[in-house]
Amino acid sequence: MPAQSSFDYALIRVVPRVDREEFVNAGLVFFCLEQPFLGVSIRVDEPRLRALWPDLDVDLVRQHLEAFSKIASGDPAAGPIAALSERERFHVMVAPRSTMIQVSPVHTGLCEDDPKVTFERLVRTLLDS
């Protein structure tokens, strides 16, 4: 049996009107320390977002969500945060916030295979369905 590795993940949520606490899942942040992997997947469902707030600036939302991908990949365009370790970048991305872009609580799990396979399975299960 292959060795199991623990991983952590959180959903990225768009909360168009923070006062109403309604949200649409728009991304996933995934981190595995034992098999170094930090991944972000973003999905913008414009019709669902517009159903919550018809006047939402979806392009602005996309820009904010793209920052997660830049941070995860270590892109210098993300600023000094991109130079941090993968673990530090993960924790910055999943830190609680009360803005239009929020994250769920962090969840944990075990993967017995390549963490990228587990990440892709979670994306299909939690974002694509």
N, C-alpha and C. Protein backbone atom coordinates (compact mmCIF):
# COMPACT_ATOMS: atom_id res chain seq x y z
N MET A 1 0.84 -1.18 0.00
CA MET A 1 0.00 0.00 0.00
C MET A 1 0.89 1.25 0.00
N PRO A 2 0.63 2.20 -0.89
CA PRO A 2 1.45 3.42 -0.92
C PRO A 2 1.30 4.22 0.36
N ALA A 3 2.36 4.97 0.68
CA ALA A 3 2.31 5.83 1.86
C ALA A 3 1.27 6.93 1.65
N GLN A 4 0.55 7.24 2.69
CA GLN A 4 -0.44 8.30 2.61
C GLN A 4 0.20 9.63 2.99
N SER A 5 -0.25 10.67 2.33
CA SER A 5 0.21 12.02 2.63
C SER A 5 -1.01 12.85 3.02
N SER A 6 -0.83 13.68 4.02
CA SER A 6 -1.93 14.55 4.40
C SER A 6 -1.96 15.77 3.49
N PHE A 7 -3.15 16.33 3.33
CA PHE A 7 -3.28 17.56 2.56
C PHE A 7 -4.32 18.44 3.23
N ASP A 8 -4.27 19.71 2.90
CA ASP A 8 -5.24 20.69 3.38
C ASP A 8 -5.82 21.39 2.16
N TYR A 9 -7.09 21.78 2.27
CA TYR A 9 -7.68 22.54 1.18
C TYR A 9 -8.78 23.46 1.73
N ALA A 10 -9.07 24.48 0.96
CA ALA A 10 -10.17 25.40 1.28
C ALA A 10 -10.80 25.85 -0.03
N LEU A 11 -12.08 26.10 0.04
CA LEU A 11 -12.80 26.64 -1.12
C LEU A 11 -12.71 28.16 -1.11
N ILE A 12 -12.55 28.73 -2.28
CA ILE A 12 -12.55 30.17 -2.44
C ILE A 12 -13.97 30.55 -2.84
N ARG A 13 -14.52 31.52 -2.14
CA ARG A 13 -15.91 31.90 -2.35
C ARG A 13 -16.03 33.36 -2.76
N VAL A 14 -16.96 33.62 -3.66
CA VAL A 14 -17.30 35.00 -3.99
C VAL A 14 -18.59 35.31 -3.23
N VAL A 15 -18.52 36.36 -2.43
CA VAL A 15 -19.65 36.79 -1.61
C VAL A 15 -20.03 38.20 -2.09
N PRO A 16 -20.87 38.27 -3.13
CA PRO A 16 -21.16 39.58 -3.73
C PRO A 16 -21.69 40.62 -2.76
N ARG A 17 -22.54 40.18 -1.83
CA ARG A 17 -23.07 41.10 -0.81
C ARG A 17 -22.79 40.48 0.54
N VAL A 18 -21.74 40.95 1.18
CA VAL A 18 -21.30 40.39 2.44
C VAL A 18 -22.42 40.42 3.48
N ASP A 19 -23.27 41.45 3.42
CA ASP A 19 -24.36 41.58 4.39
C ASP A 19 -25.38 40.45 4.27
N ARG A 20 -25.48 39.84 3.08
CA ARG A 20 -26.46 38.75 2.88
C ARG A 20 -25.86 37.37 3.12
N GLU A 21 -24.54 37.28 3.14
CA GLU A 21 -23.81 36.04 3.39
C GLU A 21 -24.10 34.94 2.36
N GLU A 22 -24.54 35.31 1.17
CA GLU A 22 -24.73 34.34 0.09
C GLU A 22 -23.42 34.27 -0.68
N PHE A 23 -23.07 33.07 -1.15
CA PHE A 23 -21.81 32.94 -1.86
C PHE A 23 -21.90 31.92 -2.98
N VAL A 24 -20.92 32.01 -3.87
CA VAL A 24 -20.74 31.03 -4.95
C VAL A 24 -19.30 30.53 -4.83
N ASN A 25 -19.13 29.22 -4.78
CA ASN A 25 -17.77 28.67 -4.78
C ASN A 25 -17.12 28.98 -6.12
N ALA A 26 -15.92 29.53 -6.07
CA ALA A 26 -15.24 29.95 -7.29
C ALA A 26 -13.82 29.42 -7.41
N GLY A 27 -13.37 28.67 -6.43
CA GLY A 27 -12.00 28.17 -6.53
C GLY A 27 -11.67 27.22 -5.40
N LEU A 28 -10.50 26.62 -5.54
CA LEU A 28 -10.00 25.66 -4.56
C LEU A 28 -8.52 25.91 -4.37
N VAL A 29 -8.09 25.98 -3.11
CA VAL A 29 -6.67 26.07 -2.75
C VAL A 29 -6.32 24.74 -2.10
N PHE A 30 -5.25 24.11 -2.56
CA PHE A 30 -4.87 22.77 -2.10
C PHE A 30 -3.38 22.77 -1.76
N PHE A 31 -3.02 22.16 -0.62
CA PHE A 31 -1.62 22.13 -0.21
C PHE A 31 -1.28 20.77 0.40
N CYS A 32 -0.18 20.19 -0.07
CA CYS A 32 0.36 18.95 0.49
C CYS A 32 1.82 19.21 0.85
N LEU A 33 2.15 19.10 2.12
CA LEU A 33 3.51 19.37 2.57
C LEU A 33 4.45 18.21 2.27
N GLU A 34 4.01 16.96 2.52
CA GLU A 34 4.89 15.81 2.38
C GLU A 34 5.35 15.56 0.94
N GLN A 35 4.45 15.80 0.00
CA GLN A 35 4.79 15.69 -1.42
C GLN A 35 4.58 17.10 -1.97
N PRO A 36 5.57 17.96 -1.85
CA PRO A 36 5.37 19.39 -2.08
C PRO A 36 4.48 19.70 -3.28
N PHE A 37 3.30 20.25 -2.96
CA PHE A 37 2.36 20.64 -4.00
C PHE A 37 1.44 21.73 -3.45
N LEU A 38 1.35 22.83 -4.17
CA LEU A 38 0.42 23.91 -3.86
C LEU A 38 -0.31 24.22 -5.15
N GLY A 39 -1.62 24.05 -5.14
CA GLY A 39 -2.39 24.28 -6.35
C GLY A 39 -3.62 25.13 -6.10
N VAL A 40 -3.99 25.87 -7.12
CA VAL A 40 -5.22 26.67 -7.10
C VAL A 40 -5.94 26.43 -8.40
N SER A 41 -7.24 26.26 -8.32
CA SER A 41 -8.08 26.17 -9.51
C SER A 41 -9.21 27.16 -9.33
N ILE A 42 -9.47 27.94 -10.37
CA ILE A 42 -10.50 28.98 -10.33
C ILE A 42 -11.57 28.67 -11.36
N ARG A 43 -12.83 28.84 -10.96
CA ARG A 43 -13.98 28.69 -11.85
C ARG A 43 -14.93 29.85 -11.57
N VAL A 44 -15.18 30.68 -12.57
CA VAL A 44 -16.09 31.81 -12.39
C VAL A 44 -17.39 31.48 -13.11
N ASP A 45 -18.45 31.32 -12.34
CA ASP A 45 -19.77 31.03 -12.89
C ASP A 45 -20.54 32.34 -12.94
N GLU A 46 -20.37 33.07 -14.03
CA GLU A 46 -20.96 34.40 -14.13
C GLU A 46 -22.48 34.41 -13.96
N PRO A 47 -23.22 33.48 -14.57
CA PRO A 47 -24.68 33.51 -14.36
C PRO A 47 -25.08 33.35 -12.89
N ARG A 48 -24.41 32.48 -12.16
CA ARG A 48 -24.74 32.31 -10.74
C ARG A 48 -24.39 33.55 -9.94
N LEU A 49 -23.25 34.18 -10.27
CA LEU A 49 -22.87 35.41 -9.56
C LEU A 49 -23.87 36.53 -9.85
N ARG A 50 -24.27 36.65 -11.10
CA ARG A 50 -25.23 37.70 -11.47
C ARG A 50 -26.60 37.45 -10.85
N ALA A 51 -26.93 36.18 -10.58
CA ALA A 51 -28.20 35.89 -9.91
C ALA A 51 -28.19 36.45 -8.49
N LEU A 52 -27.01 36.48 -7.86
CA LEU A 52 -26.92 37.04 -6.51
C LEU A 52 -26.82 38.56 -6.52
N TRP A 53 -26.16 39.09 -7.56
CA TRP A 53 -25.97 40.54 -7.65
C TRP A 53 -25.83 40.92 -9.11
N PRO A 54 -26.92 41.34 -9.75
CA PRO A 54 -26.91 41.64 -11.20
C PRO A 54 -25.87 42.69 -11.61
N ASP A 55 -25.54 43.63 -10.74
CA ASP A 55 -24.60 44.70 -11.10
C ASP A 55 -23.15 44.38 -10.74
N LEU A 56 -22.87 43.15 -10.37
CA LEU A 56 -21.51 42.76 -9.97
C LEU A 56 -20.52 43.00 -11.10
N ASP A 57 -19.36 43.54 -10.77
CA ASP A 57 -18.26 43.72 -11.73
C ASP A 57 -17.48 42.39 -11.80
N VAL A 58 -17.90 41.52 -12.69
CA VAL A 58 -17.33 40.17 -12.78
C VAL A 58 -15.86 40.23 -13.20
N ASP A 59 -15.48 41.20 -14.03
CA ASP A 59 -14.08 41.33 -14.42
C ASP A 59 -13.20 41.63 -13.20
N LEU A 60 -13.69 42.48 -12.32
CA LEU A 60 -12.94 42.78 -11.09
C LEU A 60 -12.83 41.54 -10.21
N VAL A 61 -13.90 40.77 -10.12
CA VAL A 61 -13.87 39.52 -9.35
C VAL A 61 -12.82 38.59 -9.93
N ARG A 62 -12.80 38.46 -11.26
CA ARG A 62 -11.80 37.59 -11.91
C ARG A 62 -10.38 38.04 -11.57
N GLN A 63 -10.14 39.33 -11.58
CA GLN A 63 -8.80 39.84 -11.24
C GLN A 63 -8.40 39.44 -9.83
N HIS A 64 -9.32 39.58 -8.90
CA HIS A 64 -9.02 39.20 -7.52
C HIS A 64 -8.78 37.70 -7.39
N LEU A 65 -9.57 36.91 -8.10
CA LEU A 65 -9.39 35.46 -8.05
C LEU A 65 -8.08 35.04 -8.70
N GLU A 66 -7.68 35.71 -9.78
CA GLU A 66 -6.42 35.38 -10.44
C GLU A 66 -5.23 35.60 -9.52
N ALA A 67 -5.36 36.48 -8.54
CA ALA A 67 -4.28 36.71 -7.59
C ALA A 67 -3.94 35.42 -6.83
N PHE A 68 -4.95 34.60 -6.54
CA PHE A 68 -4.69 33.33 -5.86
C PHE A 68 -3.80 32.43 -6.71
N SER A 69 -4.08 32.35 -8.00
CA SER A 69 -3.26 31.52 -8.89
C SER A 69 -1.83 32.05 -8.97
N LYS A 70 -1.69 33.37 -9.04
CA LYS A 70 -0.35 33.97 -9.10
C LYS A 70 0.43 33.71 -7.82
N ILE A 71 -0.23 33.83 -6.69
CA ILE A 71 0.44 33.56 -5.41
C ILE A 71 0.86 32.10 -5.34
N ALA A 72 -0.04 31.19 -5.71
CA ALA A 72 0.27 29.75 -5.64
C ALA A 72 1.46 29.39 -6.52
N SER A 73 1.54 29.98 -7.70
CA SER A 73 2.62 29.64 -8.62
C SER A 73 3.92 30.38 -8.32
N GLY A 74 3.89 31.31 -7.37
CA GLY A 74 5.10 32.07 -7.05
C GLY A 74 5.39 33.16 -8.07
N ASP A 75 4.40 33.58 -8.81
CA ASP A 75 4.55 34.61 -9.84
C ASP A 75 4.96 35.93 -9.17
N PRO A 76 6.10 36.51 -9.58
CA PRO A 76 6.54 37.78 -8.98
C PRO A 76 5.50 38.89 -9.10
N ALA A 77 4.59 38.80 -10.07
CA ALA A 77 3.54 39.81 -10.22
C ALA A 77 2.60 39.83 -9.01
N ALA A 78 2.64 38.79 -8.19
CA ALA A 78 1.80 38.73 -6.99
C ALA A 78 2.42 39.50 -5.83
N GLY A 79 3.60 40.05 -6.02
CA GLY A 79 4.26 40.82 -4.98
C GLY A 79 5.07 39.96 -4.04
N PRO A 80 5.43 40.51 -2.88
CA PRO A 80 6.33 39.81 -1.94
C PRO A 80 5.77 38.49 -1.43
N ILE A 81 4.45 38.35 -1.40
CA ILE A 81 3.85 37.09 -0.92
C ILE A 81 4.31 35.92 -1.79
N ALA A 82 4.52 36.15 -3.07
CA ALA A 82 4.91 35.08 -3.99
C ALA A 82 6.29 34.51 -3.66
N ALA A 83 7.09 35.24 -2.92
CA ALA A 83 8.44 34.78 -2.57
C ALA A 83 8.45 33.92 -1.30
N LEU A 84 7.32 33.81 -0.62
CA LEU A 84 7.25 33.00 0.59
C LEU A 84 7.28 31.51 0.24
N SER A 85 7.47 30.67 1.24
CA SER A 85 7.43 29.22 1.03
C SER A 85 6.01 28.81 0.64
N GLU A 86 5.87 27.60 0.09
CA GLU A 86 4.53 27.11 -0.27
C GLU A 86 3.61 27.09 0.95
N ARG A 87 4.12 26.63 2.06
CA ARG A 87 3.31 26.56 3.28
C ARG A 87 2.83 27.96 3.69
N GLU A 88 3.73 28.93 3.66
CA GLU A 88 3.36 30.30 4.03
C GLU A 88 2.35 30.89 3.04
N ARG A 89 2.55 30.63 1.75
CA ARG A 89 1.61 31.13 0.75
C ARG A 89 0.23 30.52 0.96
N PHE A 90 0.17 29.23 1.26
CA PHE A 90 -1.11 28.58 1.53
C PHE A 90 -1.82 29.29 2.69
N HIS A 91 -1.09 29.50 3.77
CA HIS A 91 -1.71 30.11 4.95
C HIS A 91 -2.15 31.55 4.70
N VAL A 92 -1.42 32.27 3.89
CA VAL A 92 -1.86 33.63 3.52
C VAL A 92 -3.17 33.55 2.73
N MET A 93 -3.23 32.61 1.78
CA MET A 93 -4.43 32.51 0.94
C MET A 93 -5.67 32.07 1.71
N VAL A 94 -5.51 31.25 2.74
CA VAL A 94 -6.68 30.74 3.46
C VAL A 94 -6.99 31.54 4.74
N ALA A 95 -6.28 32.62 4.96
CA ALA A 95 -6.55 33.45 6.13
C ALA A 95 -7.97 34.02 6.04
N PRO A 96 -8.68 34.05 7.15
CA PRO A 96 -10.05 34.59 7.13
C PRO A 96 -10.06 36.06 6.69
N ARG A 97 -11.08 36.41 5.96
CA ARG A 97 -11.27 37.79 5.51
C ARG A 97 -12.75 38.08 5.42
N SER A 98 -13.09 39.34 5.44
CA SER A 98 -14.51 39.71 5.38
C SER A 98 -14.78 40.58 4.15
N THR A 99 -14.13 40.25 3.07
CA THR A 99 -14.30 40.98 1.82
C THR A 99 -15.20 40.18 0.88
N MET A 100 -15.31 40.63 -0.34
CA MET A 100 -16.13 39.94 -1.33
C MET A 100 -15.54 38.57 -1.69
N ILE A 101 -14.23 38.41 -1.56
CA ILE A 101 -13.57 37.13 -1.80
C ILE A 101 -13.21 36.55 -0.43
N GLN A 102 -13.77 35.38 -0.12
CA GLN A 102 -13.53 34.75 1.18
C GLN A 102 -13.14 33.29 0.95
N VAL A 103 -12.69 32.64 2.00
CA VAL A 103 -12.36 31.22 1.91
C VAL A 103 -13.13 30.45 2.99
N SER A 104 -13.39 29.20 2.68
CA SER A 104 -14.06 28.32 3.65
C SER A 104 -13.07 27.98 4.76
N PRO A 105 -13.55 27.33 5.80
CA PRO A 105 -12.60 26.76 6.76
C PRO A 105 -11.69 25.76 6.02
N VAL A 106 -10.52 25.54 6.57
CA VAL A 106 -9.57 24.59 5.98
C VAL A 106 -10.01 23.18 6.34
N HIS A 107 -10.01 22.32 5.34
CA HIS A 107 -10.35 20.91 5.51
C HIS A 107 -9.08 20.09 5.28
N THR A 108 -9.03 18.90 5.86
CA THR A 108 -7.87 18.03 5.69
C THR A 108 -8.28 16.68 5.12
N GLY A 109 -7.31 15.98 4.61
CA GLY A 109 -7.56 14.65 4.08
C GLY A 109 -6.26 13.92 3.87
N LEU A 110 -6.37 12.69 3.37
CA LEU A 110 -5.21 11.87 3.06
C LEU A 110 -5.27 11.46 1.60
N CYS A 111 -4.13 11.54 0.94
CA CYS A 111 -4.07 11.03 -0.44
C CYS A 111 -3.03 9.94 -0.50
N GLU A 112 -3.33 8.91 -1.28
CA GLU A 112 -2.42 7.78 -1.42
C GLU A 112 -1.68 7.83 -2.75
N ASP A 113 -1.94 8.85 -3.51
CA ASP A 113 -1.33 8.95 -4.83
C ASP A 113 -0.69 10.32 -4.97
N ASP A 114 -0.40 10.68 -6.17
CA ASP A 114 0.14 11.99 -6.49
C ASP A 114 -0.86 13.04 -6.00
N PRO A 115 -0.42 14.03 -5.21
CA PRO A 115 -1.36 15.03 -4.72
C PRO A 115 -2.08 15.78 -5.84
N LYS A 116 -1.46 15.88 -7.00
CA LYS A 116 -2.12 16.56 -8.12
C LYS A 116 -3.38 15.78 -8.54
N VAL A 117 -3.35 14.46 -8.46
CA VAL A 117 -4.52 13.64 -8.81
C VAL A 117 -5.64 13.91 -7.81
N THR A 118 -5.29 13.98 -6.52
CA THR A 118 -6.29 14.27 -5.50
C THR A 118 -6.85 15.68 -5.68
N PHE A 119 -5.98 16.64 -5.97
CA PHE A 119 -6.39 18.02 -6.23
C PHE A 119 -7.38 18.07 -7.38
N GLU A 120 -7.07 17.41 -8.48
CA GLU A 120 -7.96 17.42 -9.65
C GLU A 120 -9.30 16.74 -9.35
N ARG A 121 -9.27 15.69 -8.53
CA ARG A 121 -10.51 15.02 -8.14
C ARG A 121 -11.39 15.97 -7.31
N LEU A 122 -10.77 16.69 -6.38
CA LEU A 122 -11.53 17.64 -5.57
C LEU A 122 -12.10 18.77 -6.43
N VAL A 123 -11.33 19.24 -7.41
CA VAL A 123 -11.83 20.29 -8.30
C VAL A 123 -13.06 19.79 -9.04
N ARG A 124 -12.99 18.57 -9.58
CA ARG A 124 -14.15 18.02 -10.29
C ARG A 124 -15.34 17.86 -9.36
N THR A 125 -15.10 17.40 -8.14
CA THR A 125 -16.18 17.13 -7.20
C THR A 125 -16.79 18.41 -6.63
N LEU A 126 -15.95 19.38 -6.30
CA LEU A 126 -16.43 20.56 -5.57
C LEU A 126 -16.70 21.78 -6.45
N LEU A 127 -16.08 21.85 -7.61
CA LEU A 127 -16.26 23.04 -8.46
C LEU A 127 -16.95 22.76 -9.78
N ASP A 128 -16.73 21.59 -10.34
CA ASP A 128 -17.26 21.31 -11.66
C ASP A 128 -18.64 20.65 -11.65
N SER A 129 -19.10 20.26 -10.47
CA SER A 129 -20.39 19.56 -10.44
C SER A 129 -21.54 20.50 -10.21
